[in-house]
Structure formats: C-alpha cells, structure tokens
Amino acid sequence: MRSDVHVGLEQRSSGGIEISLQSRVALYYGDAIRQQARDVLHKLGIEHAFVELTDEGALPFVIAARIEAAVRRAGLGQSKSALPEALPLPAVSARDRLRRSRLYLPGNEPKYFINAGLHAPDAVILDLEDSVHFAEKDTARLLVRNALRAVDFGTAERMVRINQLPLGLQDLEEIVPQSPDLILVPKTETAEQVKEVDTAIAAIGKKTGLTRPIWMMPILESALGIENAFAIATASDRVAAVTIGLEDYTADLGVVKTPGGSESLYARQRVVNAAHAAHVQAIDSVFSDVADADGLLRWGQASRAMGFEGMGCLHPIQIEIIHRAFAPSAQELEKAQAIVAAYEDAQARGLGVVSLGSRMIDAPVVQRALKLVARARQMGMVADLSIKGDPS
C-alpha cells in the first residue's frame, strides 16, 4: 500500500545483516532506508538476518514498526522495542474540550495518518478495532504506537480505539506509554469493563512514570450497554464522554438502521441523559453515508438539538459539515449574548433578578445562555468574552 513497506525476514546464524530493497525512491533514499533497517534490527537484538524490504514510500516510523512486527512474528526480540524519536507532546487535552468531530483513521494504514491534522478535526481516532483485520492486530498496534510518537496531528486530540476486551488490554501495553489523549473503549456493556481499563491505564502509567491525564470514552453498542449508560459514565473519573455505536446497536436489536434513526431514538436519548447526569459529554455515532452531505447536516443539527456535543466522521469531507451542524446559529448566539450581558449587569448591580427589556429572565434560561456563549467561544465564534457566571 502507498506510504507502507512490506518486510520479509529470515534469521541467520552468521553473515551479519543482508538487505534487499525494492523502492521507487531507492536512488535518493536507499542508503538511509538500509541504515535505518540495520539500526532497528540492532535495537531489537538481531545481528544476523536476511531482510527483504518492498517499499511504497514509507516514512521512518512506519519502517521501524513493520520491521519490529516482522521480528516479533519470527519469535525474536519479544521484550525489546525500536521506538522512533518522539516529537514534543502537544498541550494537555482538557476533559471538557471541544469534541464536535472525531475522524476515524484505520490503524494499519499509515497513508491516512500523515495529513489527518490538516483537515482540522477536533480529534483523530487511530483505530485498532473494526478497521483492522484480526490477523493484523499485532502489526497495527506497533504502527499506532509509533504514530503517537512521530506524527504531528496538529490541534487534533489524539484518540485510540482499542480492541474489545480482553484483547484491548494488550493494546494498552503499547499505547499508554506514548501518552494518547483519550482511549475509546468499544462494546462497553458494564461499569466493570470501564474500571478494568482504568486500572490497566493507571498501572501502566505508574510503571512508566506518566503524569499526563488519559481520558476515556466508552462506546455503547448493545442493548445492555444502553441500559447501563449511567453506571458506565460514572465508573471512572477518566471518563470524559460517552458515545454510541449505531451499527452494532441496531445489529444487536436485529433491526435495520434507517436514515431517520427512529429505531435508535430511545438509545440516543438515554445516552444523552446519562451523560449529562454524569457531567460528561454525549457524543453521537457516525453518519455512514459519506456522499449525503445534506443528510449529514440534518442529522448533526438534530443531534445537537437532542443534547449531543459532537459525532464521529468517516471521511475528512464530513468535518466542516459537522462543525456547522453543531454551531449555534447567528440568531441563537445574538440572543444568548444579550441574556449574558443582562445577567452580568444584574450581577454587577447586586440584583438577584435578571431582566432583558421588560421581560424577566428565569435562572435556567440564563444558565443555558451562559453555556451556549461559552461553547461559542470555544468554537472561535466570539472573539473575546469574559463570562463571570458558571456555565456548568
């Protein structure tokens, strides 16, 4: 595949490292690729081997991951790693940061990693679960690990969707030491599963000296998971959001997933209610018809009206539409700003009652306006606001 490399490895008892390289860029980068291969093998404790590289433009972090995977599959170097040089870590991800859009990237296809940040999603998801064939789980795990160290995803939050437990615990061993911002836990059905992942993250973090927070987002994808939504949302302080997976949920119910979503309305409402009761974000599922821009906009607007704060996306073309769907309208924002201004004026004058013109404004309306304006500021829709009230 483009931006990838196939590695064949044969261990030898002597003769050093022999490398056969096929690459369209061999004339320019052949020596560098061969030297990197030798360096990686040395780190993994391999001194004698024949290595065949078929390169399609792979970057160094990909080459290192593929060679390490080949070594491990050969039953060698199991306790060693060949980590690429790490970029400086981005700013710590806030628990309540914007999560309007999260772009799924298949975890075993590096061609999607490199420019993902340029599309400006709120988050990228390096996916180790559904997008990766079971036979390639081990190779994807190493590739995602290296990507967390070596790829600049811009301002996007760096999420990783691990595999369903218990396989997901193996993913954590490689992923957690690289300080992802958030772990998505698929097929979550009970609070105990969340606690199991929480405990594993804490143990790995303690062993490796991590100090940055790693948040969690359980994915509810079954009838049982929906019924346990609140318990799941409150199972750990790491939970920053909960989301729903409609493909698996409708399959569990044995019903057809429709564009209108009437078959999943109860489940989505339950997720929203549980999330807000737990003071975490409610995030909607993906909209699977990438070609239907109008349908995506309608779904996103209805999702926001229901109480969701974002949704997943399968293609970069969906990002701008999702951001538009989850943004307040100009009329909404203007009204909310007027209410906030009236509230701050009342606060400054020591008044307990907020009025806008001749109309009294109830406290819940004020709180809703404060939240909307605060969120608009996060989105960059308002240049400079100083909100004195507590929007929570």
Protein backbone atom coordinates (compact mmCIF):
# COMPACT_ATOMS: atom_id res chain seq x y z
CA MET A 1 0.00 0.00 0.00
CA ARG A 2 1.01 3.61 -0.51
CA SER A 3 3.14 5.01 2.35
CA ASP A 4 3.82 1.50 3.62
CA VAL A 5 6.50 -1.17 3.38
CA HIS A 6 6.40 -4.97 3.31
CA VAL A 7 9.11 -6.69 5.33
CA GLY A 8 10.32 -10.24 4.93
CA LEU A 9 12.83 -11.51 7.48
CA GLU A 10 14.92 -14.66 7.68
CA GLN A 11 17.14 -15.19 10.71
CA ARG A 12 20.64 -16.44 10.06
CA SER A 13 23.37 -17.78 12.31
CA SER A 14 26.13 -15.68 10.76
CA GLY A 15 26.94 -13.27 7.99
CA GLY A 16 25.58 -10.07 9.52
CA ILE A 17 22.62 -8.18 8.07
CA GLU A 18 21.86 -8.54 4.36
CA ILE A 19 19.19 -6.22 2.98
CA SER A 20 17.34 -6.47 -0.32
CA LEU A 21 15.47 -3.23 -1.07
CA GLN A 22 12.89 -2.57 -3.75
CA SER A 23 11.76 1.05 -3.80
CA ARG A 24 10.97 3.72 -6.35
CA VAL A 25 12.91 6.16 -4.20
CA ALA A 26 15.91 3.88 -3.71
CA LEU A 27 18.13 6.19 -5.77
CA TYR A 28 17.52 9.04 -3.32
CA TYR A 29 16.78 7.35 0.00
CA GLY A 30 18.02 3.80 -0.41
CA ASP A 31 21.09 4.21 1.79
CA ALA A 32 19.03 5.88 4.53
CA ILE A 33 16.40 3.11 4.46
CA ARG A 34 19.04 0.39 4.67
CA GLN A 35 20.81 2.13 7.53
CA GLN A 36 17.56 2.57 9.43
CA ALA A 37 16.77 -1.11 8.96
CA ARG A 38 20.15 -2.05 10.41
CA ASP A 39 19.68 0.34 13.34
CA VAL A 40 16.22 -1.06 14.13
CA LEU A 41 17.43 -4.64 13.95
CA HIS A 42 20.35 -3.80 16.23
CA LYS A 43 17.98 -2.30 18.81
CA LEU A 44 15.93 -5.49 18.64
CA GLY A 45 19.00 -7.63 19.20
CA ILE A 46 19.13 -9.07 15.65
CA GLU A 47 22.69 -9.26 14.32
CA HIS A 48 22.38 -11.87 11.55
CA ALA A 49 19.45 -11.90 9.14
CA PHE A 50 18.31 -11.54 5.55
CA VAL A 51 15.76 -8.74 5.22
CA GLU A 52 13.66 -8.04 2.17
CA LEU A 53 12.02 -4.60 2.00
CA THR A 54 9.40 -3.71 -0.60
CA ASP A 55 8.87 -0.01 -0.06
CA GLU A 56 5.98 2.14 -1.29
CA GLY A 57 7.10 5.43 0.21
CA ALA A 58 7.03 4.55 3.90
CA LEU A 59 8.23 7.11 6.42
CA PRO A 60 10.79 6.09 9.07
CA PHE A 61 8.21 5.49 11.82
CA VAL A 62 6.39 3.06 9.52
CA ILE A 63 9.57 1.23 8.52
CA ALA A 64 10.52 0.80 12.18
CA ALA A 65 7.07 -0.56 13.09
CA ARG A 66 7.00 -3.03 10.19
CA ILE A 67 10.49 -4.37 10.89
CA GLU A 68 9.69 -4.78 14.58
CA ALA A 69 6.48 -6.61 13.69
CA ALA A 70 8.39 -8.97 11.39
CA VAL A 71 10.96 -9.65 14.12
CA ARG A 72 8.23 -10.40 16.67
CA ARG A 73 6.38 -12.67 14.27
CA ALA A 74 9.61 -14.60 13.79
CA GLY A 75 9.59 -15.22 17.53
CA LEU A 76 12.53 -12.89 18.17
CA GLY A 77 13.03 -9.71 20.18
CA GLN A 78 9.76 -10.05 22.08
CA SER A 79 10.96 -8.00 25.05
CA LYS A 80 12.56 -5.20 23.02
CA SER A 81 11.26 -2.24 21.05
CA ALA A 82 12.65 0.06 18.40
CA LEU A 83 10.86 3.30 19.12
CA PRO A 84 11.23 6.25 16.73
CA GLU A 85 12.36 9.60 18.07
CA ALA A 86 9.44 11.29 19.80
CA LEU A 87 8.07 14.70 18.85
CA PRO A 88 7.31 17.08 21.72
CA LEU A 89 3.94 16.22 23.24
CA PRO A 90 1.07 18.58 22.43
CA ALA A 91 -0.71 20.56 25.13
CA VAL A 92 -2.62 18.51 27.68
CA SER A 93 -6.13 17.74 26.48
CA ALA A 94 -8.80 19.27 28.71
CA ARG A 95 -11.56 16.99 29.97
CA ASP A 96 -14.25 19.26 28.53
CA ARG A 97 -12.51 20.30 25.31
CA LEU A 98 -14.41 20.56 22.02
CA ARG A 99 -15.17 17.16 20.55
CA ARG A 100 -17.53 18.07 17.70
CA SER A 101 -15.75 15.85 15.18
CA ARG A 102 -13.53 12.81 15.57
CA LEU A 103 -12.03 11.41 12.37
CA TYR A 104 -11.52 7.65 12.19
CA LEU A 105 -8.17 6.51 10.74
CA PRO A 106 -7.66 2.78 10.07
CA GLY A 107 -4.85 1.80 12.41
CA ASN A 108 -2.96 -0.35 9.91
CA GLU A 109 -2.93 2.12 7.01
CA PRO A 110 -0.31 4.85 7.56
CA LYS A 111 -1.28 6.67 4.37
CA TYR A 112 -4.18 8.19 6.30
CA PHE A 113 -2.10 9.38 9.25
CA ILE A 114 0.25 11.90 7.72
CA ASN A 115 -2.15 14.65 6.63
CA ALA A 116 -5.03 13.94 9.00
CA GLY A 117 -4.33 17.01 11.13
CA LEU A 118 -4.53 19.31 8.10
CA HIS A 119 -8.27 18.64 7.87
CA ALA A 120 -8.67 20.24 11.32
CA PRO A 121 -10.93 17.70 13.06
CA ASP A 122 -11.33 18.18 16.78
CA ALA A 123 -9.89 14.68 17.21
CA VAL A 124 -8.37 11.84 15.25
CA ILE A 125 -9.05 8.22 16.17
CA LEU A 126 -6.27 5.77 15.46
CA ASP A 127 -8.43 2.69 15.20
CA LEU A 128 -7.23 -0.74 16.29
CA GLU A 129 -10.67 -2.37 16.29
CA ASP A 130 -13.15 -2.76 13.43
CA SER A 131 -10.97 -1.29 10.65
CA VAL A 132 -8.13 -3.75 11.30
CA HIS A 133 -8.28 -7.39 10.20
CA PHE A 134 -7.82 -9.78 13.11
CA ALA A 135 -4.64 -11.21 11.56
CA GLU A 136 -3.06 -7.72 11.59
CA LYS A 137 -3.90 -6.61 15.13
CA ASP A 138 -0.28 -7.07 16.25
CA THR A 139 1.19 -5.01 13.40
CA ALA A 140 -1.39 -2.22 13.73
CA ARG A 141 -0.66 -1.93 17.44
CA LEU A 142 3.02 -1.17 16.76
CA LEU A 143 2.20 1.21 13.91
CA VAL A 144 -0.21 3.25 16.05
CA ARG A 145 2.30 3.28 18.90
CA ASN A 146 4.94 4.74 16.59
CA ALA A 147 2.48 7.22 15.07
CA LEU A 148 1.71 8.65 18.50
CA ARG A 149 5.43 9.40 18.86
CA ALA A 150 6.27 10.57 15.36
CA VAL A 151 3.21 12.12 13.66
CA ASP A 152 2.09 15.70 14.20
CA PHE A 153 -1.72 15.67 14.25
CA GLY A 154 -1.91 19.44 14.67
CA THR A 155 -4.52 20.65 17.12
CA ALA A 156 -6.50 17.40 16.99
CA GLU A 157 -6.97 15.39 20.16
CA ARG A 158 -5.15 12.06 19.75
CA MET A 159 -7.59 9.23 20.45
CA VAL A 160 -7.01 5.50 20.13
CA ARG A 161 -9.82 2.98 19.84
CA ILE A 162 -8.54 -0.22 21.40
CA ASN A 163 -9.98 -3.66 20.73
CA GLN A 164 -12.81 -5.18 22.67
CA LEU A 165 -11.66 -6.59 25.98
CA PRO A 166 -9.65 -8.64 26.77
CA LEU A 167 -7.59 -8.06 23.59
CA GLY A 168 -7.73 -4.32 24.24
CA LEU A 169 -5.57 -4.77 27.34
CA GLN A 170 -2.68 -5.83 25.07
CA ASP A 171 -3.21 -2.65 23.05
CA LEU A 172 -2.90 -0.57 26.22
CA GLU A 173 0.54 -2.02 27.00
CA GLU A 174 1.91 -0.49 23.79
CA ILE A 175 -0.30 2.60 23.53
CA VAL A 176 -0.49 4.06 27.06
CA PRO A 177 3.27 4.75 27.41
CA GLN A 178 3.00 7.05 24.37
CA SER A 179 0.55 9.38 26.14
CA PRO A 180 -2.54 9.34 23.95
CA ASP A 181 -5.10 11.92 24.99
CA LEU A 182 -8.07 9.57 25.10
CA ILE A 183 -8.85 5.85 24.88
CA LEU A 184 -12.08 4.73 23.23
CA VAL A 185 -13.41 1.51 24.77
CA PRO A 186 -15.60 -0.37 22.26
CA LYS A 187 -18.51 -2.70 23.04
CA THR A 188 -18.77 -1.38 26.61
CA GLU A 189 -21.64 -3.03 28.46
CA THR A 190 -20.80 -2.72 32.16
CA ALA A 191 -19.12 -0.37 34.59
CA GLU A 192 -16.69 -3.17 35.45
CA GLN A 193 -15.23 -3.04 31.94
CA VAL A 194 -14.54 0.67 32.34
CA LYS A 195 -12.89 0.05 35.70
CA GLU A 196 -10.75 -2.70 34.19
CA VAL A 197 -9.41 -0.33 31.55
CA ASP A 198 -8.96 2.42 34.14
CA THR A 199 -6.94 0.10 36.37
CA ALA A 200 -4.77 -1.01 33.45
CA ILE A 201 -4.05 2.59 32.39
CA ALA A 202 -3.14 3.52 35.97
CA ALA A 203 -0.83 0.52 36.37
CA ILE A 204 0.97 1.13 33.07
CA GLY A 205 1.21 4.84 33.83
CA LYS A 206 2.75 4.17 37.23
CA LYS A 207 5.25 1.72 35.74
CA THR A 208 6.33 4.13 33.01
CA GLY A 209 6.17 7.37 35.03
CA LEU A 210 3.34 9.05 33.12
CA THR A 211 1.90 12.22 34.58
CA ARG A 212 -0.42 13.44 31.79
CA PRO A 213 -4.12 12.61 32.04
CA ILE A 214 -5.52 9.97 29.71
CA TRP A 215 -9.27 10.26 29.29
CA MET A 216 -11.72 7.53 28.34
CA MET A 217 -14.76 7.41 26.07
CA PRO A 218 -16.80 4.21 26.37
CA ILE A 219 -18.72 3.24 23.24
CA LEU A 220 -22.17 1.79 23.94
CA GLU A 221 -23.05 -0.64 21.17
CA SER A 222 -25.61 -3.04 22.61
CA ALA A 223 -28.95 -3.03 24.39
CA LEU A 224 -27.19 -3.96 27.65
CA GLY A 225 -24.70 -1.15 27.27
CA ILE A 226 -27.50 1.36 26.75
CA GLU A 227 -29.34 0.15 29.83
CA ASN A 228 -26.14 0.58 31.88
CA ALA A 229 -25.31 4.00 30.42
CA PHE A 230 -25.23 5.99 33.67
CA ALA A 231 -23.23 3.36 35.57
CA ILE A 232 -20.72 3.30 32.71
CA ALA A 233 -20.49 7.09 32.54
CA THR A 234 -19.74 7.33 36.27
CA ALA A 235 -17.45 4.28 36.57
CA SER A 236 -14.22 6.28 36.44
CA ASP A 237 -13.01 9.86 36.76
CA ARG A 238 -11.20 9.28 33.47
CA VAL A 239 -14.49 9.14 31.56
CA ALA A 240 -14.78 12.44 29.70
CA ALA A 241 -17.51 11.40 27.28
CA VAL A 242 -19.73 8.53 26.26
CA THR A 243 -20.76 7.70 22.73
CA ILE A 244 -22.99 5.26 20.90
CA GLY A 245 -22.22 2.90 18.02
CA LEU A 246 -25.37 2.58 15.96
CA GLU A 247 -24.25 -0.11 13.53
CA ASP A 248 -23.61 -2.62 16.30
CA TYR A 249 -26.56 -1.41 18.37
CA THR A 250 -29.09 -1.92 15.58
CA ALA A 251 -27.49 -5.28 14.78
CA ASP A 252 -27.94 -6.27 18.42
CA LEU A 253 -31.63 -5.32 18.17
CA GLY A 254 -31.96 -7.12 14.85
CA VAL A 255 -33.40 -4.05 13.13
CA VAL A 256 -32.43 -2.03 10.07
CA LYS A 257 -30.55 1.23 10.62
CA THR A 258 -32.56 3.91 8.83
CA PRO A 259 -31.65 7.50 7.79
CA GLY A 260 -34.23 8.90 10.20
CA GLY A 261 -32.95 6.90 13.14
CA SER A 262 -36.33 6.19 14.76
CA GLU A 263 -35.16 2.69 15.69
CA SER A 264 -32.33 4.14 17.83
CA LEU A 265 -34.08 7.22 19.24
CA TYR A 266 -34.53 5.70 22.70
CA ALA A 267 -30.90 4.63 22.90
CA ARG A 268 -29.56 8.03 21.81
CA GLN A 269 -31.80 9.87 24.26
CA ARG A 270 -30.68 7.55 27.04
CA VAL A 271 -27.01 8.20 26.24
CA VAL A 272 -27.61 11.96 26.28
CA ASN A 273 -29.47 11.84 29.58
CA ALA A 274 -26.90 9.58 31.24
CA ALA A 275 -24.01 11.70 30.04
CA HIS A 276 -25.50 14.95 31.28
CA ALA A 277 -26.46 13.36 34.59
CA ALA A 278 -22.82 12.22 34.95
CA HIS A 279 -21.46 15.64 33.83
CA VAL A 280 -19.62 14.19 30.84
CA GLN A 281 -20.02 14.82 27.12
CA ALA A 282 -22.56 12.98 24.99
CA ILE A 283 -21.13 12.14 21.56
CA ASP A 284 -23.24 10.74 18.73
CA SER A 285 -22.39 7.94 16.31
CA VAL A 286 -21.01 8.31 12.79
CA PHE A 287 -23.15 9.12 9.74
CA SER A 288 -22.20 6.34 7.36
CA ASP A 289 -23.35 7.78 4.00
CA VAL A 290 -20.33 9.90 3.15
CA ALA A 291 -21.89 11.14 -0.11
CA ASP A 292 -25.04 12.52 1.58
CA ALA A 293 -23.93 15.96 2.77
CA ASP A 294 -27.48 17.24 3.27
CA GLY A 295 -28.42 14.16 5.28
CA LEU A 296 -25.34 14.60 7.45
CA LEU A 297 -26.19 18.23 8.14
CA ARG A 298 -29.76 17.36 9.11
CA TRP A 299 -28.58 14.51 11.33
CA GLY A 300 -26.00 16.71 13.02
CA GLN A 301 -28.46 19.52 13.66
CA ALA A 302 -30.98 17.07 15.12
CA SER A 303 -28.20 15.52 17.19
CA ARG A 304 -27.23 18.90 18.64
CA ALA A 305 -30.88 19.69 19.38
CA MET A 306 -31.10 16.39 21.28
CA GLY A 307 -28.16 17.29 23.52
CA PHE A 308 -25.17 15.67 21.80
CA GLU A 309 -21.96 17.72 21.56
CA GLY A 310 -20.36 16.01 18.58
CA MET A 311 -20.19 12.90 16.43
CA GLY A 312 -17.78 10.66 14.59
CA CYS A 313 -16.81 11.03 10.95
CA LEU A 314 -15.54 8.55 8.40
CA HIS A 315 -14.12 10.97 5.82
CA PRO A 316 -12.50 14.43 6.04
CA ILE A 317 -15.26 15.84 3.83
CA GLN A 318 -17.66 15.41 6.75
CA ILE A 319 -15.69 17.55 9.23
CA GLU A 320 -16.77 21.03 8.09
CA ILE A 321 -20.40 19.94 7.81
CA ILE A 322 -20.36 18.51 11.33
CA HIS A 323 -18.80 21.68 12.73
CA ARG A 324 -21.50 23.70 11.04
CA ALA A 325 -24.24 21.44 12.38
CA PHE A 326 -23.04 21.75 15.97
CA ALA A 327 -22.55 25.52 15.89
CA PRO A 328 -25.25 27.85 17.24
CA SER A 329 -26.98 29.99 14.65
CA ALA A 330 -26.28 33.71 14.49
CA GLN A 331 -29.75 34.37 15.92
CA GLU A 332 -29.20 31.93 18.81
CA LEU A 333 -25.84 33.45 19.62
CA GLU A 334 -27.10 37.04 19.48
CA LYS A 335 -29.96 36.21 21.86
CA ALA A 336 -27.66 34.33 24.23
CA GLN A 337 -25.16 37.20 24.30
CA ALA A 338 -27.92 39.65 25.16
CA ILE A 339 -29.04 37.42 28.06
CA VAL A 340 -25.45 37.05 29.29
CA ALA A 341 -24.95 40.82 29.14
CA ALA A 342 -28.15 41.36 31.15
CA TYR A 343 -27.06 38.73 33.65
CA GLU A 344 -23.62 40.31 34.13
CA ASP A 345 -25.22 43.75 34.52
CA ALA A 346 -27.53 42.39 37.23
CA GLN A 347 -24.57 40.75 38.96
CA ALA A 348 -22.60 43.99 38.90
CA ARG A 349 -25.52 45.88 40.45
CA GLY A 350 -26.15 43.25 43.08
CA LEU A 351 -29.56 42.33 41.70
CA GLY A 352 -30.96 38.83 42.10
CA VAL A 353 -33.34 39.23 39.19
CA VAL A 354 -32.23 39.35 35.54
CA SER A 355 -34.31 41.36 33.12
CA LEU A 356 -33.98 41.94 29.41
CA GLY A 357 -36.00 44.99 28.46
CA SER A 358 -39.39 44.48 30.08
CA ARG A 359 -39.01 40.70 30.30
CA MET A 360 -37.76 38.76 33.32
CA ILE A 361 -35.25 36.01 32.56
CA ASP A 362 -35.51 32.78 34.54
CA ALA A 363 -32.35 31.25 36.02
CA PRO A 364 -32.41 28.14 33.76
CA VAL A 365 -32.56 30.39 30.69
CA VAL A 366 -29.54 32.31 31.96
CA GLN A 367 -27.60 29.10 32.54
CA ARG A 368 -28.43 27.86 29.04
CA ALA A 369 -27.24 31.16 27.55
CA LEU A 370 -24.02 31.03 29.56
CA LYS A 371 -23.30 27.52 28.28
CA LEU A 372 -24.05 28.47 24.68
CA VAL A 373 -21.82 31.53 24.74
CA ALA A 374 -19.01 29.64 26.44
CA ARG A 375 -19.23 26.94 23.78
CA ALA A 376 -19.31 29.54 21.00
CA ARG A 377 -16.11 30.97 22.43
CA GLN A 378 -14.50 27.52 22.29
CA MET A 379 -15.50 27.33 18.64
CA GLY A 380 -13.93 30.70 17.91
CA MET A 381 -17.29 32.25 17.02
CA VAL A 382 -16.86 35.01 19.61
CA ALA A 383 -13.62 36.94 19.65
CA ASP A 384 -13.37 37.90 23.30
CA LEU A 385 -15.85 37.22 26.08
CA SER A 386 -15.49 37.40 29.82
CA ILE A 387 -18.24 35.23 31.28
CA LYS A 388 -18.47 35.76 35.01
CA GLY A 389 -21.13 33.16 35.62
CA ASP A 390 -20.57 29.46 35.93
CA PRO A 391 -21.85 27.79 32.72
CA SER A 392 -21.78 24.36 34.32
